[in-house]
Amino acid sequence: MVDGVLTPDPRRRLPGRGAWLHPDLECLGRAERRSAFPRALRVPGPLEVAAVRSHLQPGCSTSGTEIGTWETPGSVIHGSKVDPS
């Protein structure tokens, strides 16, 4: 989150608090309705989610991979020498 705007961080490298979200527009809508982001990030008031919504749009890619192939928390490629965190 930067200045009240949620910022996608698929590589999990930005500093500060974060919130997990399934790469699905339906899950984003549900999180908005339940005010999950302000609660998870411990901030008052609503947050702008347009950047996350555009990131989840069909056809959007992240680091050359399609949204459906995102790495999930805890998934590790065994034998890889790259820190998954």
N, C-alpha and C. Protein backbone atom coordinates (compact mmCIF):
# COMPACT_ATOMS: atom_id res chain seq x y z
N MET A 1 0.85 -1.16 0.00
CA MET A 1 0.00 0.00 0.00
C MET A 1 0.90 1.23 0.00
N VAL A 2 0.59 2.16 -0.88
CA VAL A 2 1.32 3.41 -0.96
C VAL A 2 0.31 4.55 -1.00
N ASP A 3 0.31 5.41 0.00
CA ASP A 3 -0.60 6.56 0.07
C ASP A 3 -2.07 6.19 -0.13
N GLY A 4 -2.53 5.15 0.55
CA GLY A 4 -3.93 4.76 0.48
C GLY A 4 -4.32 4.00 -0.77
N VAL A 5 -3.34 3.60 -1.57
CA VAL A 5 -3.60 2.85 -2.79
C VAL A 5 -2.95 1.47 -2.65
N LEU A 6 -3.75 0.41 -2.83
CA LEU A 6 -3.20 -0.93 -2.80
C LEU A 6 -2.32 -1.14 -4.02
N THR A 7 -1.15 -1.71 -3.81
CA THR A 7 -0.19 -1.91 -4.88
C THR A 7 0.11 -3.39 -5.01
N PRO A 8 -0.09 -3.98 -6.20
CA PRO A 8 0.25 -5.39 -6.37
C PRO A 8 1.74 -5.60 -6.16
N ASP A 9 2.10 -6.67 -5.49
CA ASP A 9 3.50 -7.01 -5.24
C ASP A 9 3.69 -8.51 -5.44
N PRO A 10 3.57 -8.99 -6.69
CA PRO A 10 3.63 -10.43 -6.93
C PRO A 10 4.97 -11.06 -6.55
N ARG A 11 6.03 -10.28 -6.52
CA ARG A 11 7.34 -10.83 -6.14
C ARG A 11 7.56 -10.76 -4.63
N ARG A 12 6.62 -10.15 -3.90
CA ARG A 12 6.68 -10.04 -2.44
C ARG A 12 7.97 -9.38 -1.98
N ARG A 13 8.29 -8.23 -2.57
CA ARG A 13 9.53 -7.55 -2.24
C ARG A 13 9.33 -6.16 -1.63
N LEU A 14 8.12 -5.61 -1.69
CA LEU A 14 7.90 -4.28 -1.14
C LEU A 14 7.95 -4.33 0.38
N PRO A 15 8.45 -3.27 1.00
CA PRO A 15 8.52 -3.25 2.46
C PRO A 15 7.14 -3.03 3.09
N GLY A 16 7.03 -3.37 4.34
CA GLY A 16 5.79 -3.11 5.08
C GLY A 16 4.85 -4.29 5.07
N ARG A 17 3.66 -4.03 5.59
CA ARG A 17 2.63 -5.05 5.71
C ARG A 17 2.05 -5.40 4.36
N GLY A 18 1.60 -6.62 4.22
CA GLY A 18 0.98 -7.05 2.98
C GLY A 18 -0.28 -7.86 3.28
N ALA A 19 -1.02 -8.18 2.25
CA ALA A 19 -2.23 -8.99 2.40
C ALA A 19 -2.28 -9.95 1.21
N TRP A 20 -2.59 -11.22 1.48
CA TRP A 20 -2.72 -12.21 0.42
C TRP A 20 -4.09 -12.12 -0.22
N LEU A 21 -4.14 -12.37 -1.53
CA LEU A 21 -5.39 -12.37 -2.27
C LEU A 21 -5.28 -13.39 -3.38
N HIS A 22 -6.31 -14.26 -3.51
CA HIS A 22 -6.31 -15.17 -4.65
C HIS A 22 -6.33 -14.33 -5.92
N PRO A 23 -5.64 -14.76 -6.96
CA PRO A 23 -5.63 -14.00 -8.22
C PRO A 23 -6.94 -14.16 -8.98
N ASP A 24 -8.03 -13.66 -8.39
CA ASP A 24 -9.36 -13.84 -8.93
C ASP A 24 -10.17 -12.57 -8.63
N LEU A 25 -10.81 -12.01 -9.65
CA LEU A 25 -11.59 -10.79 -9.46
C LEU A 25 -12.73 -10.99 -8.47
N GLU A 26 -13.29 -12.19 -8.40
CA GLU A 26 -14.37 -12.46 -7.46
C GLU A 26 -13.86 -12.34 -6.02
N CYS A 27 -12.66 -12.83 -5.77
CA CYS A 27 -12.07 -12.73 -4.43
C CYS A 27 -11.77 -11.27 -4.08
N LEU A 28 -11.35 -10.49 -5.07
CA LEU A 28 -11.10 -9.07 -4.84
C LEU A 28 -12.41 -8.38 -4.44
N GLY A 29 -13.49 -8.66 -5.15
CA GLY A 29 -14.79 -8.07 -4.83
C GLY A 29 -15.26 -8.44 -3.44
N ARG A 30 -15.07 -9.70 -3.07
CA ARG A 30 -15.46 -10.16 -1.74
C ARG A 30 -14.64 -9.44 -0.67
N ALA A 31 -13.33 -9.30 -0.90
CA ALA A 31 -12.46 -8.61 0.06
C ALA A 31 -12.87 -7.15 0.22
N GLU A 32 -13.27 -6.50 -0.88
CA GLU A 32 -13.73 -5.11 -0.81
C GLU A 32 -15.01 -5.01 0.02
N ARG A 33 -15.98 -5.88 -0.27
CA ARG A 33 -17.26 -5.84 0.45
C ARG A 33 -17.07 -6.06 1.95
N ARG A 34 -16.13 -6.89 2.32
CA ARG A 34 -15.91 -7.21 3.73
C ARG A 34 -14.91 -6.27 4.41
N SER A 35 -14.43 -5.27 3.68
CA SER A 35 -13.41 -4.34 4.21
C SER A 35 -12.19 -5.09 4.73
N ALA A 36 -11.80 -6.12 4.01
CA ALA A 36 -10.69 -6.97 4.45
C ALA A 36 -9.34 -6.28 4.36
N PHE A 37 -9.14 -5.43 3.35
CA PHE A 37 -7.83 -4.80 3.19
C PHE A 37 -7.48 -3.84 4.31
N PRO A 38 -8.35 -2.90 4.65
CA PRO A 38 -8.01 -2.02 5.77
C PRO A 38 -7.77 -2.79 7.07
N ARG A 39 -8.53 -3.84 7.28
CA ARG A 39 -8.37 -4.63 8.49
C ARG A 39 -7.03 -5.39 8.47
N ALA A 40 -6.70 -6.02 7.34
CA ALA A 40 -5.45 -6.78 7.23
C ALA A 40 -4.23 -5.88 7.30
N LEU A 41 -4.34 -4.70 6.72
CA LEU A 41 -3.20 -3.78 6.69
C LEU A 41 -3.17 -2.83 7.88
N ARG A 42 -4.20 -2.93 8.71
CA ARG A 42 -4.31 -2.10 9.92
C ARG A 42 -4.25 -0.61 9.61
N VAL A 43 -5.10 -0.20 8.68
CA VAL A 43 -5.21 1.22 8.34
C VAL A 43 -6.68 1.62 8.43
N PRO A 44 -6.95 2.88 8.77
CA PRO A 44 -8.34 3.34 8.83
C PRO A 44 -8.87 3.69 7.44
N GLY A 45 -10.13 3.51 7.26
CA GLY A 45 -10.79 3.96 6.05
C GLY A 45 -10.59 3.06 4.84
N PRO A 46 -11.28 3.38 3.74
CA PRO A 46 -11.22 2.56 2.53
C PRO A 46 -9.90 2.76 1.79
N LEU A 47 -9.55 1.79 0.95
CA LEU A 47 -8.34 1.86 0.14
C LEU A 47 -8.70 1.76 -1.33
N GLU A 48 -7.93 2.39 -2.18
CA GLU A 48 -8.13 2.35 -3.62
C GLU A 48 -7.59 1.02 -4.16
N VAL A 49 -8.42 0.25 -4.87
CA VAL A 49 -8.02 -1.06 -5.35
C VAL A 49 -7.89 -1.14 -6.87
N ALA A 50 -7.95 -0.01 -7.57
CA ALA A 50 -7.92 -0.02 -9.03
C ALA A 50 -6.66 -0.68 -9.59
N ALA A 51 -5.51 -0.46 -8.97
CA ALA A 51 -4.27 -1.07 -9.46
C ALA A 51 -4.31 -2.58 -9.33
N VAL A 52 -4.87 -3.07 -8.25
CA VAL A 52 -4.99 -4.52 -8.05
C VAL A 52 -5.99 -5.08 -9.05
N ARG A 53 -7.11 -4.40 -9.24
CA ARG A 53 -8.13 -4.86 -10.19
C ARG A 53 -7.54 -4.95 -11.61
N SER A 54 -6.80 -3.93 -12.04
CA SER A 54 -6.23 -3.97 -13.39
C SER A 54 -5.16 -5.06 -13.49
N HIS A 55 -4.47 -5.32 -12.39
CA HIS A 55 -3.46 -6.38 -12.37
C HIS A 55 -4.10 -7.77 -12.52
N LEU A 56 -5.33 -7.92 -12.02
CA LEU A 56 -6.02 -9.20 -12.08
C LEU A 56 -6.84 -9.40 -13.36
N GLN A 57 -6.95 -8.38 -14.19
CA GLN A 57 -7.74 -8.49 -15.42
C GLN A 57 -7.20 -9.62 -16.29
N PRO A 58 -8.08 -10.35 -16.95
CA PRO A 58 -7.64 -11.44 -17.85
C PRO A 58 -6.65 -10.90 -18.89
N GLY A 59 -5.61 -11.68 -19.12
CA GLY A 59 -4.60 -11.28 -20.10
C GLY A 59 -3.44 -10.54 -19.48
N CYS A 60 -3.59 -10.08 -18.26
CA CYS A 60 -2.50 -9.40 -17.56
C CYS A 60 -1.48 -10.46 -17.19
N SER A 61 -0.22 -10.13 -17.31
CA SER A 61 0.80 -11.10 -16.91
C SER A 61 1.70 -10.51 -15.85
N THR A 62 2.31 -11.39 -15.08
CA THR A 62 3.20 -11.00 -14.01
C THR A 62 4.53 -11.68 -14.22
N SER A 63 5.54 -10.90 -14.47
CA SER A 63 6.88 -11.44 -14.69
C SER A 63 6.88 -12.52 -15.77
N GLY A 64 6.10 -12.33 -16.80
CA GLY A 64 6.09 -13.26 -17.91
C GLY A 64 5.21 -14.48 -17.71
N THR A 65 4.53 -14.61 -16.57
CA THR A 65 3.65 -15.75 -16.35
C THR A 65 2.22 -15.26 -16.26
N GLU A 66 1.31 -16.08 -16.70
CA GLU A 66 -0.09 -15.70 -16.61
C GLU A 66 -0.56 -15.75 -15.16
N ILE A 67 -1.60 -14.98 -14.86
CA ILE A 67 -2.13 -14.90 -13.51
C ILE A 67 -2.43 -16.28 -12.93
N GLY A 68 -2.97 -17.18 -13.71
CA GLY A 68 -3.33 -18.49 -13.22
C GLY A 68 -2.15 -19.33 -12.77
N THR A 69 -0.93 -18.92 -13.11
CA THR A 69 0.23 -19.70 -12.74
C THR A 69 1.06 -19.03 -11.66
N TRP A 70 0.47 -18.09 -10.94
CA TRP A 70 1.18 -17.42 -9.85
C TRP A 70 1.70 -18.41 -8.85
N GLU A 71 2.82 -18.07 -8.27
CA GLU A 71 3.34 -18.88 -7.17
C GLU A 71 2.47 -18.60 -5.95
N THR A 72 2.08 -19.63 -5.26
CA THR A 72 1.25 -19.46 -4.08
C THR A 72 2.11 -19.49 -2.83
N PRO A 73 1.63 -18.92 -1.74
CA PRO A 73 2.41 -18.96 -0.51
C PRO A 73 2.75 -20.39 -0.14
N GLY A 74 4.00 -20.61 0.16
CA GLY A 74 4.42 -21.93 0.58
C GLY A 74 4.86 -22.83 -0.56
N SER A 75 4.60 -22.42 -1.82
CA SER A 75 5.05 -23.27 -2.91
C SER A 75 6.53 -22.99 -3.15
N VAL A 76 7.29 -24.04 -3.20
CA VAL A 76 8.73 -23.91 -3.37
C VAL A 76 9.17 -24.89 -4.44
N ILE A 77 10.04 -24.45 -5.32
CA ILE A 77 10.59 -25.34 -6.32
C ILE A 77 11.81 -25.98 -5.68
N HIS A 78 11.75 -27.27 -5.42
CA HIS A 78 12.84 -27.96 -4.76
C HIS A 78 14.07 -27.96 -5.66
N GLY A 79 15.21 -27.72 -5.06
CA GLY A 79 16.44 -27.66 -5.80
C GLY A 79 16.78 -26.24 -6.24
N SER A 80 15.85 -25.32 -6.07
CA SER A 80 16.09 -23.93 -6.44
C SER A 80 16.99 -23.28 -5.39
N LYS A 81 17.89 -22.43 -5.84
CA LYS A 81 18.78 -21.74 -4.92
C LYS A 81 18.32 -20.32 -4.65
N VAL A 82 17.12 -19.99 -5.08
CA VAL A 82 16.55 -18.66 -4.88
C VAL A 82 15.69 -18.67 -3.64
N ASP A 83 15.85 -17.66 -2.78
CA ASP A 83 15.04 -17.55 -1.56
C ASP A 83 13.60 -17.28 -1.95
N PRO A 84 12.64 -18.15 -1.60
CA PRO A 84 11.25 -17.97 -2.01
C PRO A 84 10.51 -16.87 -1.25
N SER A 85 11.11 -16.30 -0.22
CA SER A 85 10.38 -15.29 0.57
C SER A 85 10.49 -13.92 0.01
